[in-house]
Structure formats: C-alpha cells, structure tokens
C-alpha atoms as a PDB file:
ATOM      1  CA  UNK A   1       0.000   0.000   0.000  1.00  0.00           C
ATOM      2  CA  UNK A   2       2.836   2.446   0.734  1.00  0.00           C
ATOM      3  CA  UNK A   3       4.209   2.001  -2.825  1.00  0.00           C
ATOM      4  CA  UNK A   4       1.416   4.219  -4.166  1.00  0.00           C
ATOM      5  CA  UNK A   5       2.691   7.277  -2.349  1.00  0.00           C
ATOM      6  CA  UNK A   6       6.418   7.050  -3.092  1.00  0.00           C
ATOM      7  CA  UNK A   7       6.133   9.376  -6.105  1.00  0.00           C
ATOM      8  CA  UNK A   8       4.747  12.239  -4.006  1.00  0.00           C
ATOM      9  CA  UNK A   9       7.308  12.036  -1.170  1.00  0.00           C
ATOM     10  CA  UNK A  10      10.054  14.105  -2.833  1.00  0.00           C
ATOM     11  CA  UNK A  11       8.625  17.593  -2.159  1.00  0.00           C
ATOM     12  CA  UNK A  12      10.016  20.265   0.142  1.00  0.00           C
ATOM     13  CA  UNK A  13       9.321  20.140   3.853  1.00  0.00           C
ATOM     14  CA  UNK A  14       6.652  22.219   5.556  1.00  0.00           C
ATOM     15  CA  UNK A  15       9.270  24.609   6.955  1.00  0.00           C
ATOM     16  CA  UNK A  16      10.777  25.182   3.504  1.00  0.00           C
ATOM     17  CA  UNK A  17       7.336  25.837   1.984  1.00  0.00           C
ATOM     18  CA  UNK A  18       6.482  28.228   4.823  1.00  0.00           C
ATOM     19  CA  UNK A  19       9.762  30.103   4.284  1.00  0.00           C
ATOM     20  CA  UNK A  20       9.078  30.360   0.530  1.00  0.00           C
ATOM     21  CA  UNK A  21       5.575  31.670   1.228  1.00  0.00           C
ATOM     22  CA  UNK A  22       6.908  34.297   3.620  1.00  0.00           C
ATOM     23  CA  UNK A  23       9.582  35.400   1.138  1.00  0.00           C
ATOM     24  CA  UNK A  24       7.011  35.637  -1.652  1.00  0.00           C
ATOM     25  CA  UNK A  25       4.667  37.712   0.490  1.00  0.00           C
ATOM     26  CA  UNK A  26       7.528  40.038   1.435  1.00  0.00           C
ATOM     27  CA  UNK A  27       8.448  40.465  -2.239  1.00  0.00           C
ATOM     28  CA  UNK A  28       4.850  41.339  -3.089  1.00  0.00           C
ATOM     29  CA  UNK A  29       4.751  43.983  -0.373  1.00  0.00           C
ATOM     30  CA  UNK A  30       8.084  45.420  -1.556  1.00  0.00           C
ATOM     31  CA  UNK A  31       6.911  45.485  -5.189  1.00  0.00           C
ATOM     32  CA  UNK A  32       3.759  47.391  -4.284  1.00  0.00           C
ATOM     33  CA  UNK A  33       5.692  49.851  -2.127  1.00  0.00           C
ATOM     34  CA  UNK A  34       8.038  50.617  -5.029  1.00  0.00           C
ATOM     35  CA  UNK A  35       5.215  50.939  -7.586  1.00  0.00           C
ATOM     36  CA  UNK A  36       3.895  54.172  -9.004  1.00  0.00           C
ATOM     37  CA  UNK A  37       1.699  56.444  -6.931  1.00  0.00           C
ATOM     38  CA  UNK A  38      -1.357  56.010  -9.191  1.00  0.00           C
ATOM     39  CA  UNK A  39      -0.861  52.233  -9.323  1.00  0.00           C
ATOM     40  CA  UNK A  40      -1.716  51.740  -5.673  1.00  0.00           C
ATOM     41  CA  UNK A  41      -5.190  50.472  -4.928  1.00  0.00           C
ATOM     42  CA  UNK A  42      -6.123  52.940  -2.231  1.00  0.00           C
ATOM     43  CA  UNK A  43      -5.242  55.968  -4.375  1.00  0.00           C
ATOM     44  CA  UNK A  44      -7.940  55.283  -6.976  1.00  0.00           C
ATOM     45  CA  UNK A  45     -10.414  54.561  -4.208  1.00  0.00           C
ATOM     46  CA  UNK A  46      -9.562  57.830  -2.426  1.00  0.00           C
ATOM     47  CA  UNK A  47      -9.827  59.832  -5.659  1.00  0.00           C
ATOM     48  CA  UNK A  48     -13.199  58.276  -6.453  1.00  0.00           C
ATOM     49  CA  UNK A  49     -14.531  58.990  -2.979  1.00  0.00           C
ATOM     50  CA  UNK A  50     -13.257  62.579  -3.027  1.00  0.00           C
ATOM     51  CA  UNK A  51     -14.757  63.315  -6.448  1.00  0.00           C
ATOM     52  CA  UNK A  52     -18.119  61.832  -5.537  1.00  0.00           C
ATOM     53  CA  UNK A  53     -18.195  63.650  -2.192  1.00  0.00           C
ATOM     54  CA  UNK A  54     -17.188  66.945  -3.809  1.00  0.00           C
ATOM     55  CA  UNK A  55     -19.866  66.470  -6.467  1.00  0.00           C
ATOM     56  CA  UNK A  56     -22.567  65.953  -3.844  1.00  0.00           C
ATOM     57  CA  UNK A  57     -21.360  69.040  -1.943  1.00  0.00           C
ATOM     58  CA  UNK A  58     -21.476  71.177  -5.102  1.00  0.00           C
ATOM     59  CA  UNK A  59     -24.993  69.923  -5.874  1.00  0.00           C
ATOM     60  CA  UNK A  60     -26.132  70.794  -2.339  1.00  0.00           C
ATOM     61  CA  UNK A  61     -24.549  74.274  -2.531  1.00  0.00           C
ATOM     62  CA  UNK A  62     -26.271  74.851  -5.883  1.00  0.00           C
ATOM     63  CA  UNK A  63     -29.576  73.701  -4.438  1.00  0.00           C
ATOM     64  CA  UNK A  64     -29.181  75.997  -1.411  1.00  0.00           C
ATOM     65  CA  UNK A  65     -28.527  78.972  -3.714  1.00  0.00           C
ATOM     66  CA  UNK A  66     -31.448  78.190  -5.980  1.00  0.00           C
ATOM     67  CA  UNK A  67     -33.801  77.539  -3.051  1.00  0.00           C
ATOM     68  CA  UNK A  68     -33.395  81.103  -1.786  1.00  0.00           C
ATOM     69  CA  UNK A  69     -34.577  82.606  -5.061  1.00  0.00           C
ATOM     70  CA  UNK A  70     -38.092  82.663  -6.477  1.00  0.00           C
ATOM     71  CA  UNK A  71     -37.147  83.894  -9.953  1.00  0.00           C
ATOM     72  CA  UNK A  72     -36.185  81.299 -12.546  1.00  0.00           C
ATOM     73  CA  UNK A  73     -33.591  83.671 -14.032  1.00  0.00           C
ATOM     74  CA  UNK A  74     -31.749  83.697 -10.708  1.00  0.00           C
ATOM     75  CA  UNK A  75     -31.991  79.898 -10.283  1.00  0.00           C
ATOM     76  CA  UNK A  76     -30.446  78.993 -13.696  1.00  0.00           C
ATOM     77  CA  UNK A  77     -26.846  79.973 -12.759  1.00  0.00           C
ATOM     78  CA  UNK A  78     -27.099  77.825  -9.626  1.00  0.00           C
ATOM     79  CA  UNK A  79     -28.450  74.955 -11.707  1.00  0.00           C
ATOM     80  CA  UNK A  80     -25.634  75.251 -14.230  1.00  0.00           C
ATOM     81  CA  UNK A  81     -22.760  75.824 -11.822  1.00  0.00           C
ATOM     82  CA  UNK A  82     -23.944  73.598  -8.986  1.00  0.00           C
ATOM     83  CA  UNK A  83     -26.092  70.951 -10.591  1.00  0.00           C
ATOM     84  CA  UNK A  84     -24.217  70.166 -13.773  1.00  0.00           C
ATOM     85  CA  UNK A  85     -20.759  70.477 -12.222  1.00  0.00           C
ATOM     86  CA  UNK A  86     -21.859  68.280  -9.319  1.00  0.00           C
ATOM     87  CA  UNK A  87     -23.286  65.638 -11.647  1.00  0.00           C
ATOM     88  CA  UNK A  88     -20.088  65.713 -13.724  1.00  0.00           C
ATOM     89  CA  UNK A  89     -17.909  65.274 -10.612  1.00  0.00           C
ATOM     90  CA  UNK A  90     -20.096  62.429  -9.325  1.00  0.00           C
ATOM     91  CA  UNK A  91     -19.979  60.710 -12.721  1.00  0.00           C
ATOM     92  CA  UNK A  92     -16.194  60.994 -12.952  1.00  0.00           C
ATOM     93  CA  UNK A  93     -15.891  59.662  -9.392  1.00  0.00           C
ATOM     94  CA  UNK A  94     -18.192  56.748 -10.177  1.00  0.00           C
ATOM     95  CA  UNK A  95     -16.194  55.900 -13.312  1.00  0.00           C
ATOM     96  CA  UNK A  96     -12.967  56.051 -11.282  1.00  0.00           C
ATOM     97  CA  UNK A  97     -14.499  53.694  -8.722  1.00  0.00           C
ATOM     98  CA  UNK A  98     -15.604  51.354 -11.535  1.00  0.00           C
ATOM     99  CA  UNK A  99     -12.103  51.380 -13.061  1.00  0.00           C
ATOM    100  CA  UNK A 100     -10.662  50.557  -9.626  1.00  0.00           C
ATOM    101  CA  UNK A 101     -13.052  47.621  -9.331  1.00  0.00           C
ATOM    102  CA  UNK A 102     -12.180  46.366 -12.832  1.00  0.00           C
ATOM    103  CA  UNK A 103      -8.455  46.688 -12.132  1.00  0.00           C
ATOM    104  CA  UNK A 104      -8.772  44.559  -9.007  1.00  0.00           C
ATOM    105  CA  UNK A 105     -10.845  41.970 -10.879  1.00  0.00           C
ATOM    106  CA  UNK A 106      -8.313  41.697 -13.705  1.00  0.00           C
ATOM    107  CA  UNK A 107      -5.407  41.437 -11.270  1.00  0.00           C
ATOM    108  CA  UNK A 108      -7.180  38.701  -9.318  1.00  0.00           C
ATOM    109  CA  UNK A 109      -8.059  36.785 -12.492  1.00  0.00           C
ATOM    110  CA  UNK A 110      -4.433  36.925 -13.646  1.00  0.00           C
ATOM    111  CA  UNK A 111      -3.225  35.651 -10.278  1.00  0.00           C
ATOM    112  CA  UNK A 112      -5.729  32.786 -10.373  1.00  0.00           C
ATOM    113  CA  UNK A 113      -4.694  31.881 -13.917  1.00  0.00           C
ATOM    114  CA  UNK A 114      -1.000  31.903 -13.006  1.00  0.00           C
ATOM    115  CA  UNK A 115      -1.677  29.691  -9.979  1.00  0.00           C
ATOM    116  CA  UNK A 116      -3.781  27.347 -12.120  1.00  0.00           C
ATOM    117  CA  UNK A 117      -0.989  27.063 -14.687  1.00  0.00           C
ATOM    118  CA  UNK A 118       1.602  26.343 -11.980  1.00  0.00           C
ATOM    119  CA  UNK A 119      -0.647  23.682 -10.468  1.00  0.00           C
ATOM    120  CA  UNK A 120      -1.240  22.180 -13.909  1.00  0.00           C
ATOM    121  CA  UNK A 121       2.488  22.011 -14.662  1.00  0.00           C
ATOM    122  CA  UNK A 122       3.142  20.402 -11.278  1.00  0.00           C
ATOM    123  CA  UNK A 123       0.361  17.879 -11.840  1.00  0.00           C
ATOM    124  CA  UNK A 124       1.654  17.007 -15.313  1.00  0.00           C
ATOM    125  CA  UNK A 125       5.156  16.495 -13.885  1.00  0.00           C
ATOM    126  CA  UNK A 126       3.863  14.204 -11.135  1.00  0.00           C
ATOM    127  CA  UNK A 127       1.737  12.246 -13.606  1.00  0.00           C
ATOM    128  CA  UNK A 128       4.690  11.807 -15.964  1.00  0.00           C
ATOM    129  CA  UNK A 129       6.840  10.559 -13.088  1.00  0.00           C
ATOM    130  CA  UNK A 130       4.087   8.195 -12.016  1.00  0.00           C
ATOM    131  CA  UNK A 131       3.574   6.916 -15.571  1.00  0.00           C
ATOM    132  CA  UNK A 132       7.285   6.263 -16.066  1.00  0.00           C
ATOM    133  CA  UNK A 133       7.452   4.508 -12.685  1.00  0.00           C
ATOM    134  CA  UNK A 134       4.495   2.309 -13.578  1.00  0.00           C
ATOM    135  CA  UNK A 135       5.966   1.564 -17.010  1.00  0.00           C
ATOM    136  CA  UNK A 136       9.249   0.468 -15.386  1.00  0.00           C
ATOM    137  CA  UNK A 137       7.404  -1.785 -12.922  1.00  0.00           C
ATOM    138  CA  UNK A 138       5.356  -3.300 -15.743  1.00  0.00           C
ATOM    139  CA  UNK A 139       8.489  -3.926 -17.791  1.00  0.00           C
ATOM    140  CA  UNK A 140      10.173  -5.641 -14.833  1.00  0.00           C
ATOM    141  CA  UNK A 141       7.073  -7.717 -14.207  1.00  0.00           C
ATOM    142  CA  UNK A 142       6.948  -8.792 -17.864  1.00  0.00           C
ATOM    143  CA  UNK A 143      10.652  -9.717 -17.842  1.00  0.00           C
ATOM    144  CA  UNK A 144      10.216 -11.819 -14.685  1.00  0.00           C
ATOM    145  CA  UNK A 145       7.102 -13.504 -16.040  1.00  0.00           C
ATOM    146  CA  UNK A 146       8.850 -14.433 -19.282  1.00  0.00           C
ATOM    147  CA  UNK A 147      12.001 -15.676 -17.588  1.00  0.00           C
ATOM    148  CA  UNK A 148      10.168 -18.017 -15.185  1.00  0.00           C
ATOM    149  CA  UNK A 149       7.988 -19.560 -17.870  1.00  0.00           C
ATOM    150  CA  UNK A 150       9.289 -22.524 -19.822  1.00  0.00           C
ATOM    151  CA  UNK A 151       9.746 -21.909 -23.523  1.00  0.00           C
ATOM    152  CA  UNK A 152       6.953 -23.463 -25.577  1.00  0.00           C
ATOM    153  CA  UNK A 153       7.487 -24.531 -29.105  1.00  0.00           C
ATOM    154  CA  UNK A 154       5.590 -22.643 -31.745  1.00  0.00           C
ATOM    155  CA  UNK A 155       2.912 -24.604 -33.609  1.00  0.00           C
END
C-alpha cells in the first residue's frame, strides 16, 4: 500500500514551503511599495470617494442657492454651476471607482490563472513521473514472467 505514495514524497518540507511563502509575500509587499503612486489600490479609491463627495457638496450648494430665489432667471446659474458640475464630478468619481473595481478583478483573475498554470504544470510532472514509474514496474514484471515460464514450441 505504501508504494502508491512514493512518487509524491520528494517535495520540500513544511518549513521550507512556509519560508518560501513568507519570502514571496515580502516580495509582493516590496513590489507594491516601489510601484507608481497612481498604481496603488487605495489611491484610486480615495480619488473616487473625493470626487463623488465633492460632487454631492457642489450639488447641495447649488440647491441651497437656488432655493433662496423665487425667480427662474436667478436659479439657472445655480443649476448650471452647482447641478451640472456636481453631476459631472459624481460621474467621474463613479467611473474612477468602476475602473478601480475592474483593475482589481483583472489582477485577481491573472493571479488565479497563473496559480492554475503552476498547479497544472506540477500535476503534469507528477503524472509523468508516475507513468514512467508504472511503465518500469510493468516492464520488470513482464521480464520476470517471461524468464520463469518454460519456452513453448511454436505450432
């Protein structure tokens, strides 16, 4: 029964794998710290939040100005400066937030694909080792079976 698992015994120990994981995590943190200012995740999120908040503030200021006037001619400048500018800022902020979300999704998908490819390569390597081991055992078994059998004449 223990012969089945001999192919999978040759991997690194738990301590070695833990050390590799720690080193990899440290490299990822270092890479992000050295990256560009706009490439950091929290920067896009902060810009989106600031633009959307500023847009809502401008809309509220425009509404407060227009609410104090009863003449439509006096309300139009507040509508243009407050309302349209506020809507534009909120839209730009929302698009920035959407681009942040898409960026994270693409990055995560790439990481999953890279991990899947590594796992696939490892699995193919293990299967090839297992197949060659089984082929060698089968060849030895066939040689032993032929050598112990008496030769029969052909008819």
